[in-house]
Amino acid sequence: MYLPYLGDFQLICGRLMKKTYFASDFHLGIDGAQTSVEREKLIVEWLDAAAPDMQTLYLVGDIWDYWFEYGQVIPKGYSRILGCIGRLRDAGIPIYYFTGNHDMWMFRYLTEEFGIPIYRKAVTHTIDGKKFYIGHGDGLGPGDHGYKMIKKIFANPVSQWLFARIHPNTGLRLMKFFSGTSRQHTEIENFLVPEKEWLIQYAREVLQKEDIDYFVFGHRHLPIEFDLGIKGAKYFNLGDWLKYNSYAVWDGTSLHLSYYKPQR
């Protein structure tokens, strides 16, 4: 009869302890409670600290405050976060990227450079037997009609081709302006009643069609955990790193919000 030795036990425990991380709304490129560079350093510190027990990383939109990916040009800066993403991928950690309203013009760079799939719509992933419905959250739910119209224009290939004809120096300045305007409409600091929280309404609509265990969104800029009252499903909003340094962790049995505090 084979008896496991200590090395087997550590290996099994290591696999069981692996966690899935979800984060969104870093908004690198603008200052918040910290400068963009200080916030970038903090995020890299968090990712490096989480890496040893990280099974998968979901980046759920608006990692950059503005982004337009020209054919041969990417926005200046962000070497720390891009280097950290590269280290995680080189270590074999899967990363999934969801575009948001600030980085919808992310095209092929992350896929070609790091092998990271890019999602432009919410998708369902099964993790440890639980169904997660994941997306940035912009344009979902009953309201925000003005943005939904603008999103269709920005997502149009003709609009993207025309914008790509603008010199990057001018184009990225325009993106910064558009991003500032968009952010003013999403940063509502207080939780509204469920009937006015569009993503809660959207999640309840989805539950009429399919069973989901967890809804995970960004965009709202407020950390939220809410029991939807239908089939045991829960809605999580990841908050942001402009103010909260918040993220969610799935440990194999439960999903919970966490807040990162600097190690120094």
Protein backbone atom coordinates (compact mmCIF):
# COMPACT_ATOMS: atom_id res chain seq x y z
CA MET A 1 0.00 0.00 0.00
CA TYR A 2 1.33 3.45 -0.96
CA LEU A 3 1.54 5.99 1.85
CA PRO A 4 1.95 9.66 0.86
CA TYR A 5 5.02 11.36 2.24
CA LEU A 6 5.43 15.00 3.27
CA GLY A 7 6.26 16.21 -0.24
CA ASP A 8 3.01 14.76 -1.59
CA PHE A 9 1.05 16.41 1.22
CA GLN A 10 2.59 19.81 0.52
CA LEU A 11 1.92 19.46 -3.18
CA ILE A 12 -1.73 18.53 -2.59
CA CYS A 13 -2.21 21.37 -0.11
CA GLY A 14 -0.56 23.80 -2.53
CA ARG A 15 -3.04 22.86 -5.23
CA LEU A 16 -5.97 23.17 -2.85
CA MET A 17 -4.85 26.59 -1.66
CA LYS A 18 -4.53 28.10 -5.12
CA LYS A 19 -6.77 31.13 -5.51
CA THR A 20 -8.45 33.03 -8.32
CA TYR A 21 -8.11 36.81 -8.19
CA PHE A 22 -10.39 39.43 -9.74
CA ALA A 23 -9.52 43.11 -10.04
CA SER A 24 -10.62 46.08 -12.13
CA ASP A 25 -10.53 49.85 -12.44
CA PHE A 26 -6.86 50.58 -11.80
CA HIS A 27 -7.26 53.63 -14.09
CA LEU A 28 -3.53 53.95 -14.59
CA GLY A 29 -2.69 57.24 -16.26
CA ILE A 30 -4.54 59.53 -13.86
CA ASP A 31 -3.95 60.45 -10.24
CA GLY A 32 -6.33 59.47 -7.45
CA ALA A 33 -5.57 59.11 -3.76
CA GLN A 34 -2.04 58.50 -5.07
CA THR A 35 -0.25 59.46 -8.23
CA SER A 36 -0.63 57.05 -11.12
CA VAL A 37 2.99 55.89 -10.71
CA GLU A 38 2.57 55.34 -6.96
CA ARG A 39 -0.62 53.38 -7.59
CA GLU A 40 1.09 51.31 -10.28
CA LYS A 41 3.87 50.40 -7.84
CA LEU A 42 1.28 49.40 -5.23
CA ILE A 43 -0.60 47.20 -7.69
CA VAL A 44 2.61 45.47 -8.74
CA GLU A 45 3.46 44.94 -5.05
CA TRP A 46 0.04 43.32 -4.54
CA LEU A 47 0.34 41.10 -7.61
CA ASP A 48 3.84 39.97 -6.63
CA ALA A 49 2.60 39.16 -3.11
CA ALA A 50 -0.39 37.23 -4.47
CA ALA A 51 1.57 35.34 -7.14
CA PRO A 52 2.68 32.33 -5.02
CA ASP A 53 -0.92 31.17 -4.42
CA MET A 54 -2.45 32.60 -7.60
CA GLN A 55 -4.15 30.08 -9.85
CA THR A 56 -5.75 32.57 -12.26
CA LEU A 57 -6.01 36.34 -12.62
CA TYR A 58 -9.01 38.16 -14.10
CA LEU A 59 -8.43 41.79 -15.06
CA VAL A 60 -11.98 43.08 -15.42
CA GLY A 61 -11.59 46.31 -17.36
CA ASP A 62 -10.37 49.91 -17.08
CA ILE A 63 -6.88 48.85 -16.10
CA TRP A 64 -5.81 51.94 -18.01
CA ASP A 65 -7.72 55.21 -17.81
CA TYR A 66 -7.29 55.71 -21.54
CA TRP A 67 -5.85 53.45 -24.18
CA PHE A 68 -5.70 53.45 -27.93
CA GLU A 69 -3.51 50.85 -29.53
CA TYR A 70 -2.07 52.05 -32.80
CA GLY A 71 -0.59 49.48 -35.18
CA GLN A 72 3.00 50.14 -34.08
CA VAL A 73 2.45 52.31 -30.99
CA ILE A 74 1.20 51.65 -27.47
CA PRO A 75 0.68 54.39 -24.84
CA LYS A 76 3.83 55.58 -23.10
CA GLY A 77 4.64 54.31 -19.61
CA TYR A 78 3.21 51.42 -17.57
CA SER A 79 6.43 49.42 -17.78
CA ARG A 80 5.99 48.16 -14.21
CA ILE A 81 2.51 46.69 -14.66
CA LEU A 82 3.36 45.27 -18.09
CA GLY A 83 6.53 43.71 -16.69
CA CYS A 84 4.56 42.20 -13.80
CA ILE A 85 1.98 40.78 -16.21
CA GLY A 86 4.83 39.27 -18.19
CA ARG A 87 6.30 37.63 -15.08
CA LEU A 88 2.94 36.12 -14.14
CA ARG A 89 2.45 34.72 -17.64
CA ASP A 90 6.01 33.37 -17.75
CA ALA A 91 5.22 31.56 -14.49
CA GLY A 92 2.32 29.84 -16.26
CA ILE A 93 -0.50 31.78 -14.56
CA PRO A 94 -3.50 32.27 -16.88
CA ILE A 95 -4.71 35.87 -17.20
CA TYR A 96 -8.03 36.93 -18.72
CA TYR A 97 -8.58 40.54 -19.77
CA PHE A 98 -11.95 42.25 -20.15
CA THR A 99 -12.16 45.61 -21.86
CA GLY A 100 -14.07 48.41 -20.14
CA ASN A 101 -15.32 51.79 -21.24
CA HIS A 102 -11.86 53.34 -20.83
CA ASP A 103 -9.81 50.66 -22.61
CA MET A 104 -12.25 49.34 -25.22
CA TRP A 105 -9.66 50.13 -27.89
CA MET A 106 -7.33 47.46 -26.59
CA PHE A 107 -6.74 45.26 -29.64
CA ARG A 108 -3.99 42.65 -30.10
CA TYR A 109 -1.07 43.78 -27.96
CA LEU A 110 -1.73 41.73 -24.81
CA THR A 111 -2.65 38.67 -26.84
CA GLU A 112 0.39 38.83 -29.11
CA GLU A 113 2.84 39.81 -26.37
CA PHE A 114 1.60 37.67 -23.47
CA GLY A 115 -0.96 35.21 -24.85
CA ILE A 116 -3.77 36.85 -22.89
CA PRO A 117 -7.30 36.44 -24.33
CA ILE A 118 -9.33 39.67 -24.51
CA TYR A 119 -13.08 39.67 -23.91
CA ARG A 120 -15.31 42.52 -25.07
CA LYS A 121 -18.50 41.13 -23.57
CA ALA A 122 -19.42 39.41 -20.33
CA VAL A 123 -18.80 35.67 -20.32
CA THR A 124 -19.55 32.70 -18.07
CA HIS A 125 -16.62 30.70 -16.70
CA THR A 126 -16.84 27.66 -14.47
CA ILE A 127 -14.33 27.73 -11.62
CA ASP A 128 -14.13 24.79 -9.20
CA GLY A 129 -17.63 23.75 -10.21
CA LYS A 130 -19.19 27.21 -9.68
CA LYS A 131 -20.51 29.40 -12.48
CA PHE A 132 -19.09 32.93 -12.61
CA TYR A 133 -20.61 35.58 -14.86
CA ILE A 134 -17.78 38.06 -15.46
CA GLY A 135 -17.63 41.36 -17.30
CA HIS A 136 -16.70 45.00 -16.82
CA GLY A 137 -20.33 46.04 -16.57
CA ASP A 138 -20.46 49.12 -18.78
CA GLY A 139 -23.59 49.39 -20.88
CA LEU A 140 -25.39 46.59 -19.03
CA GLY A 141 -28.75 46.98 -17.35
CA PRO A 142 -31.73 49.23 -17.97
CA GLY A 143 -30.14 52.71 -17.97
CA ASP A 144 -27.10 54.60 -19.30
CA HIS A 145 -28.66 55.05 -22.76
CA GLY A 146 -26.32 57.88 -23.75
CA TYR A 147 -23.25 55.79 -23.10
CA LYS A 148 -24.74 52.78 -24.89
CA MET A 149 -25.10 54.90 -28.03
CA ILE A 150 -21.54 56.25 -27.73
CA LYS A 151 -20.19 52.73 -27.15
CA LYS A 152 -21.70 51.55 -30.44
CA ILE A 153 -19.95 54.41 -32.23
CA PHE A 154 -16.59 53.75 -30.55
CA ALA A 155 -16.87 50.00 -31.18
CA ASN A 156 -17.53 50.52 -34.87
CA PRO A 157 -14.52 49.40 -36.99
CA VAL A 158 -14.89 52.46 -39.23
CA SER A 159 -14.65 54.79 -36.21
CA GLN A 160 -11.57 52.92 -34.99
CA TRP A 161 -9.93 53.10 -38.42
CA LEU A 162 -10.58 56.85 -38.66
CA PHE A 163 -9.23 57.49 -35.16
CA ALA A 164 -6.10 55.50 -35.99
CA ARG A 165 -5.34 58.07 -38.71
CA ILE A 166 -4.85 60.73 -36.00
CA HIS A 167 -1.27 61.22 -34.82
CA PRO A 168 -0.72 59.38 -31.48
CA ASN A 169 0.23 62.59 -29.63
CA THR A 170 -3.14 64.12 -30.51
CA GLY A 171 -5.12 60.88 -30.35
CA LEU A 172 -4.04 60.01 -26.82
CA ARG A 173 -4.82 63.54 -25.62
CA LEU A 174 -8.33 63.10 -27.01
CA MET A 175 -8.62 59.73 -25.28
CA LYS A 176 -7.64 61.36 -21.97
CA PHE A 177 -10.37 63.97 -22.44
CA PHE A 178 -13.04 61.38 -23.29
CA SER A 179 -12.01 59.26 -20.30
CA GLY A 180 -12.40 62.15 -17.87
CA THR A 181 -15.91 62.79 -19.17
CA SER A 182 -16.88 59.11 -18.87
CA ARG A 183 -15.53 58.75 -15.33
CA GLN A 184 -17.79 61.53 -14.04
CA HIS A 185 -20.84 59.34 -14.73
CA THR A 186 -19.66 56.15 -12.98
CA GLU A 187 -18.19 57.33 -9.68
CA ILE A 188 -21.32 57.37 -7.50
CA GLU A 189 -19.95 56.91 -4.00
CA ASN A 190 -22.97 55.45 -2.21
CA PHE A 191 -24.87 52.23 -2.77
CA LEU A 192 -28.28 52.99 -4.22
CA VAL A 193 -31.42 50.97 -3.61
CA PRO A 194 -31.26 47.70 -5.61
CA GLU A 195 -33.87 48.99 -8.07
CA LYS A 196 -31.48 51.79 -9.06
CA GLU A 197 -28.34 49.68 -9.22
CA TRP A 198 -28.31 48.78 -12.93
CA LEU A 199 -25.94 45.85 -12.59
CA ILE A 200 -28.11 44.26 -9.91
CA GLN A 201 -31.09 44.60 -12.23
CA TYR A 202 -29.08 43.09 -15.07
CA ALA A 203 -27.93 40.16 -12.93
CA ARG A 204 -31.50 39.39 -11.95
CA GLU A 205 -32.49 39.39 -15.62
CA VAL A 206 -29.73 36.92 -16.45
CA LEU A 207 -30.88 34.64 -13.63
CA GLN A 208 -34.26 34.32 -15.33
CA LYS A 209 -32.49 32.56 -18.21
CA GLU A 210 -29.63 30.61 -16.60
CA ASP A 211 -28.26 29.60 -13.22
CA ILE A 212 -25.25 31.62 -12.08
CA ASP A 213 -23.50 31.40 -8.72
CA TYR A 214 -21.53 34.65 -8.80
CA PHE A 215 -21.74 37.83 -10.86
CA VAL A 216 -18.43 39.72 -10.92
CA PHE A 217 -18.32 43.22 -12.39
CA GLY A 218 -16.23 46.38 -12.23
CA HIS A 219 -17.21 49.82 -13.57
CA ARG A 220 -19.21 50.89 -10.50
CA HIS A 221 -16.13 52.04 -8.50
CA LEU A 222 -17.70 50.84 -5.26
CA PRO A 223 -16.89 47.51 -3.54
CA ILE A 224 -20.20 45.67 -3.24
CA GLU A 225 -21.27 42.20 -2.12
CA PHE A 226 -25.02 41.70 -2.56
CA ASP A 227 -27.23 38.64 -2.18
CA LEU A 228 -29.51 38.69 -5.21
CA GLY A 229 -32.18 36.62 -3.47
CA ILE A 230 -32.52 34.25 -6.42
CA LYS A 231 -31.12 30.71 -6.42
CA GLY A 232 -28.44 31.68 -3.91
CA ALA A 233 -26.66 33.90 -6.46
CA LYS A 234 -24.50 36.83 -5.36
CA TYR A 235 -23.38 40.01 -7.09
CA PHE A 236 -19.91 41.40 -6.48
CA ASN A 237 -18.53 44.70 -7.64
CA LEU A 238 -14.78 44.93 -7.46
CA GLY A 239 -14.58 48.62 -6.54
CA ASP A 240 -11.43 50.39 -7.73
CA TRP A 241 -7.82 51.25 -6.97
CA LEU A 242 -8.32 54.99 -7.12
CA LYS A 243 -9.71 54.94 -3.58
CA TYR A 244 -10.29 51.43 -2.21
CA ASN A 245 -7.45 49.13 -3.41
CA SER A 246 -10.14 46.47 -3.56
CA TYR A 247 -10.34 43.11 -5.31
CA ALA A 248 -12.09 39.75 -4.95
CA VAL A 249 -10.63 36.34 -4.18
CA TRP A 250 -12.08 32.91 -4.84
CA ASP A 251 -10.40 30.40 -2.49
CA GLY A 252 -12.08 27.29 -3.84
CA THR A 253 -15.10 27.44 -1.55
CA SER A 254 -16.16 31.09 -1.29
CA LEU A 255 -15.76 34.47 -2.97
CA HIS A 256 -14.97 37.50 -0.85
CA LEU A 257 -13.80 41.09 -1.20
CA SER A 258 -10.38 42.09 0.07
CA TYR A 259 -8.47 45.36 0.42
CA TYR A 260 -4.76 45.65 -0.12
CA LYS A 261 -2.64 47.57 2.36
CA PRO A 262 0.95 48.53 1.48
CA GLN A 263 3.59 46.25 2.95
CA ARG A 264 5.93 49.14 3.70
